[in-house]
Protein backbone atom coordinates (compact mmCIF):
# COMPACT_ATOMS: atom_id res chain seq x y z
CA MET A 1 151.51 100.37 75.99
CA GLN A 2 153.61 103.43 76.86
CA ARG A 3 153.26 104.75 73.29
CA THR A 4 149.48 104.27 73.46
CA VAL A 5 149.25 106.10 76.78
CA GLY A 6 151.44 108.86 75.39
CA ARG A 7 149.25 109.27 72.33
CA ILE A 8 146.10 109.39 74.48
CA ALA A 9 147.68 112.03 76.70
CA LEU A 10 148.73 114.06 73.65
CA TRP A 11 145.25 113.98 72.11
CA THR A 12 143.74 114.90 75.48
CA ILE A 13 145.94 118.00 75.62
CA VAL A 14 145.04 118.93 72.03
CA ALA A 15 141.32 118.52 72.77
CA MET A 16 141.61 120.71 75.86
CA MET A 17 143.36 123.40 73.83
CA VAL A 18 140.61 123.34 71.19
CA VAL A 19 137.90 123.65 73.84
CA GLY A 20 139.77 126.55 75.40
CA LEU A 21 140.03 128.34 72.08
CA VAL A 22 136.32 127.87 71.37
CA GLY A 23 135.45 129.21 74.82
CA CYS A 24 137.53 132.31 74.16
CA LYS A 25 135.94 132.98 70.78
CA GLY A 26 134.12 136.04 72.09
CA ALA A 27 137.41 137.79 72.74
CA LEU A 28 139.31 136.41 69.75
CA GLU A 29 136.85 137.34 67.03
CA SER A 30 136.79 141.06 67.85
CA GLY A 31 138.66 141.95 64.65
CA SER A 32 139.95 145.09 66.32
CA THR A 33 142.56 147.19 64.58
CA GLY A 34 142.62 149.85 67.26
CA LYS A 35 144.06 150.16 70.75
CA LYS A 36 142.10 149.33 73.88
CA VAL A 37 140.10 152.31 75.17
CA MET A 38 139.41 152.16 78.90
CA LEU A 39 135.89 153.49 79.43
CA TRP A 40 136.37 153.44 83.19
CA ASN A 41 139.64 154.69 84.65
CA GLY A 42 139.40 152.56 87.80
CA GLN A 43 139.35 155.58 90.11
CA ASP A 44 136.32 157.84 89.67
CA PHE A 45 133.45 158.70 87.31
CA ALA A 46 135.34 160.97 84.95
CA GLY A 47 133.76 160.59 81.51
CA TRP A 48 130.48 159.28 82.91
CA GLN A 49 127.09 160.69 83.91
CA ARG A 50 124.96 159.26 86.73
CA VAL A 51 121.20 159.52 86.16
CA LEU A 52 118.52 158.58 88.73
CA ALA A 53 114.74 158.35 88.60
CA ASP A 54 114.60 160.44 91.79
CA PRO A 55 116.73 163.57 91.35
CA ALA A 56 116.49 164.27 95.09
CA VAL A 57 118.72 161.27 95.84
CA ASP A 58 122.47 161.87 96.03
CA VAL A 59 124.14 159.94 93.20
CA ASP A 60 127.08 159.19 95.51
CA ASP A 61 124.71 157.11 97.64
CA VAL A 62 123.85 154.92 94.65
CA TRP A 63 127.08 154.74 92.64
CA TRP A 64 130.54 154.75 94.21
CA VAL A 65 134.04 153.36 93.68
CA ARG A 66 135.72 151.03 96.14
CA GLY A 67 138.81 149.00 95.42
CA ASP A 68 138.97 148.03 91.75
CA ALA A 69 135.22 148.10 91.13
CA ILE A 70 132.20 150.33 90.62
CA HIS A 71 129.55 149.60 93.23
CA CYS A 72 125.86 150.19 92.56
CA LYS A 73 123.23 150.11 95.30
CA GLY A 74 120.47 149.29 92.81
CA GLU A 75 117.94 151.76 94.23
CA PRO A 76 116.47 154.01 93.02
CA PHE A 77 116.33 153.02 89.37
CA GLY A 78 118.77 154.80 87.10
CA TYR A 79 121.93 154.31 85.12
CA LEU A 80 125.55 155.27 84.69
CA ARG A 81 126.35 156.26 81.10
CA THR A 82 129.31 157.43 79.08
CA GLU A 83 129.54 161.09 78.12
CA GLN A 84 130.76 160.09 74.66
CA ARG A 85 128.85 158.23 71.94
CA TYR A 86 130.36 155.11 70.43
CA SER A 87 129.89 152.87 67.39
CA ASP A 88 131.71 149.87 65.91
CA TYR A 89 133.33 148.41 69.00
CA HIS A 90 133.94 145.30 71.05
CA LEU A 91 132.78 146.14 74.57
CA HIS A 92 134.23 144.14 77.45
CA LEU A 93 133.10 144.42 81.05
CA GLU A 94 132.89 142.26 84.14
CA TRP A 95 130.11 142.14 86.73
CA ARG A 96 129.12 140.24 89.83
CA TRP A 97 126.33 140.13 92.37
CA PRO A 98 127.75 140.61 95.90
CA GLU A 99 124.44 139.44 97.37
CA THR A 100 121.30 137.85 95.86
CA PRO A 101 121.31 138.16 92.04
CA THR A 102 118.40 140.20 90.71
CA ASN A 103 118.30 142.67 87.81
CA SER A 104 120.49 145.06 85.85
CA GLY A 105 121.58 145.53 82.26
CA VAL A 106 124.01 147.03 79.78
CA LEU A 107 122.47 149.78 77.66
CA LEU A 108 123.76 150.08 74.09
CA HIS A 109 123.26 152.79 71.47
CA MET A 110 121.53 155.12 73.94
CA ASN A 111 119.97 158.21 72.35
CA GLY A 112 117.51 160.96 73.20
CA PRO A 113 117.09 162.74 76.53
CA ASP A 114 118.09 161.13 79.83
CA LYS A 115 115.07 159.40 81.37
CA ILE A 116 114.05 156.10 82.95
CA TRP A 117 114.32 154.33 80.59
CA PRO A 118 115.98 155.89 77.52
CA GLU A 119 115.87 154.90 73.87
CA CYS A 120 118.40 152.07 73.67
CA ILE A 121 119.03 148.38 73.08
CA GLU A 122 119.54 146.68 76.43
CA VAL A 123 121.64 143.57 76.83
CA GLN A 124 120.11 141.95 79.88
CA LEU A 125 121.89 141.20 83.15
CA LYS A 126 118.82 139.90 84.98
CA ALA A 127 119.86 136.76 86.85
CA GLY A 128 119.35 133.72 84.64
CA ASN A 129 118.68 135.87 81.58
CA ALA A 130 122.05 137.44 80.82
CA GLY A 131 122.20 137.64 77.04
CA ASP A 132 118.57 138.59 76.39
CA PHE A 133 117.99 141.66 74.23
CA VAL A 134 115.45 144.26 75.36
CA LEU A 135 114.45 146.81 72.72
CA MET A 136 113.41 150.00 74.51
CA ASN A 137 111.18 152.78 73.21
CA GLY A 138 111.03 151.88 69.53
CA THR A 139 114.56 150.69 68.87
CA GLY A 140 114.97 147.93 66.31
CA LEU A 141 116.86 144.69 65.76
CA THR A 142 116.46 141.78 63.37
CA VAL A 143 116.87 138.35 64.99
CA ASP A 144 116.61 135.06 63.11
CA GLY A 145 115.40 136.94 60.05
CA THR A 146 112.55 138.73 61.84
CA ASP A 147 112.44 142.48 62.44
CA ARG A 148 111.55 142.73 66.14
CA ARG A 149 110.90 146.47 66.24
CA ASP A 150 107.46 147.25 67.70
CA THR A 151 106.79 150.94 68.27
CA SER A 152 103.52 150.13 70.07
CA LYS A 153 105.44 148.57 72.97
CA ARG A 154 107.82 150.22 75.39
CA PHE A 155 109.84 147.01 75.79
CA VAL A 156 110.40 144.08 73.41
CA VAL A 157 112.23 141.12 74.99
CA ILE A 158 114.25 138.80 72.74
CA PRO A 159 115.38 135.73 74.73
CA LYS A 160 118.94 134.45 74.64
CA LYS A 161 119.71 131.39 72.52
CA ALA A 162 121.78 129.15 74.81
CA ALA A 163 121.54 127.73 78.31
CA THR A 164 122.55 130.12 81.06
CA SER A 165 126.32 130.57 81.26
CA GLU A 166 126.35 132.87 84.30
CA LYS A 167 128.36 132.21 87.45
CA PRO A 168 126.96 132.12 91.01
CA ALA A 169 126.66 135.21 93.19
CA GLY A 170 130.03 136.45 94.40
CA GLN A 171 131.91 135.35 91.27
CA TRP A 172 132.89 137.65 88.42
CA ASN A 173 131.22 137.24 85.02
CA SER A 174 132.36 138.66 81.70
CA TYR A 175 130.37 140.28 78.91
CA ASP A 176 131.89 140.62 75.44
CA ILE A 177 129.56 142.54 73.15
CA HIS A 178 130.48 143.09 69.50
CA CYS A 179 128.73 146.00 67.77
CA LYS A 180 129.69 146.44 64.13
CA GLY A 181 127.51 148.37 61.72
CA GLY A 182 124.01 147.14 62.53
CA SER A 183 125.08 143.81 64.02
CA ILE A 184 125.27 142.97 67.73
CA ARG A 185 126.74 139.74 69.07
CA VAL A 186 126.69 138.92 72.79
CA TYR A 187 128.93 136.53 74.74
CA VAL A 188 128.50 135.68 78.43
CA ASN A 189 131.65 134.12 79.89
CA GLY A 190 132.75 133.21 76.37
CA VAL A 191 129.45 131.60 75.34
CA LEU A 192 127.53 133.11 72.42
CA GLN A 193 124.10 133.93 73.86
CA ASN A 194 122.48 136.19 71.29
CA GLU A 195 122.98 138.01 68.02
CA GLY A 196 121.07 140.34 65.77
CA THR A 197 121.42 142.58 62.73
CA ASN A 198 119.98 145.83 61.38
CA ALA A 199 120.17 147.51 64.77
CA SER A 200 118.51 150.90 64.96
CA PRO A 201 120.12 153.07 66.15
CA MET A 202 123.68 151.88 65.44
CA ALA A 203 125.54 154.26 67.77
CA GLY A 204 125.09 156.09 71.05
CA PHE A 205 126.05 156.20 74.70
CA ILE A 206 126.90 153.05 76.68
CA GLY A 207 125.20 152.62 80.05
CA LEU A 208 124.96 150.38 83.13
CA GLN A 209 121.67 150.01 84.99
CA SER A 210 120.74 150.52 88.61
CA GLU A 211 117.71 148.26 88.79
CA GLY A 212 116.87 146.60 92.07
CA SER A 213 119.81 145.37 94.14
CA PRO A 214 123.57 145.76 94.62
CA ILE A 215 125.81 144.94 91.66
CA GLU A 216 129.48 145.59 90.92
CA PHE A 217 131.31 146.33 87.67
CA ARG A 218 134.98 146.44 86.72
CA ASN A 219 137.44 146.28 83.80
CA ILE A 220 135.25 148.22 81.35
CA TYR A 221 136.84 148.93 77.98
CA ILE A 222 136.23 148.90 74.25
CA LEU A 223 138.29 147.77 71.28
CA PRO A 224 137.45 149.82 68.18
CA LEU A 225 136.30 147.71 65.22
CA ASN A 226 137.41 149.26 61.94
């Protein structure tokens, strides 16, 4: 009996380890050969630009740093973007809704002039839809063998593939986004939510949206994929 119980306990531990490894796949599969590059220094907005739909509004009233996080008021619409363009990376960031979850997004491969909204591929943060792709202003992506580019539409929404893996308001969520060549793979809290190939463009700025209500971001970095 003791041997049987011991074996059951051992297999239980092994099963838990396997589940844990699968859940961490988003971080483990990065294939990075480079060192971590912190996109946000944890102190200020060095290396970033803040863009708002209403230029009369003080950006410090919409985006500010407190503690270990970037705080965004959510109004007016706008975004915080890197000053440098990036390609071939594993992007990691964490976000949470301090109040009622509403809408935001991570903007990938941003190009063209700053405007609301720019040419980019958005990875959605809208509550309940984290993991959706939104192709903005003629950008392209092939999903499930279909080219979803549609230059006649300003926005093309490509729903996520799995059940929502977001956490409740007040808890931190993680995004792990793998961009390599023309492929994009998106994990929310370790769960694969979406993937596509033949992205166009394949490089650009990285941005965070101000789009409706308060949201916080922290621990933003990339791992170069070579």
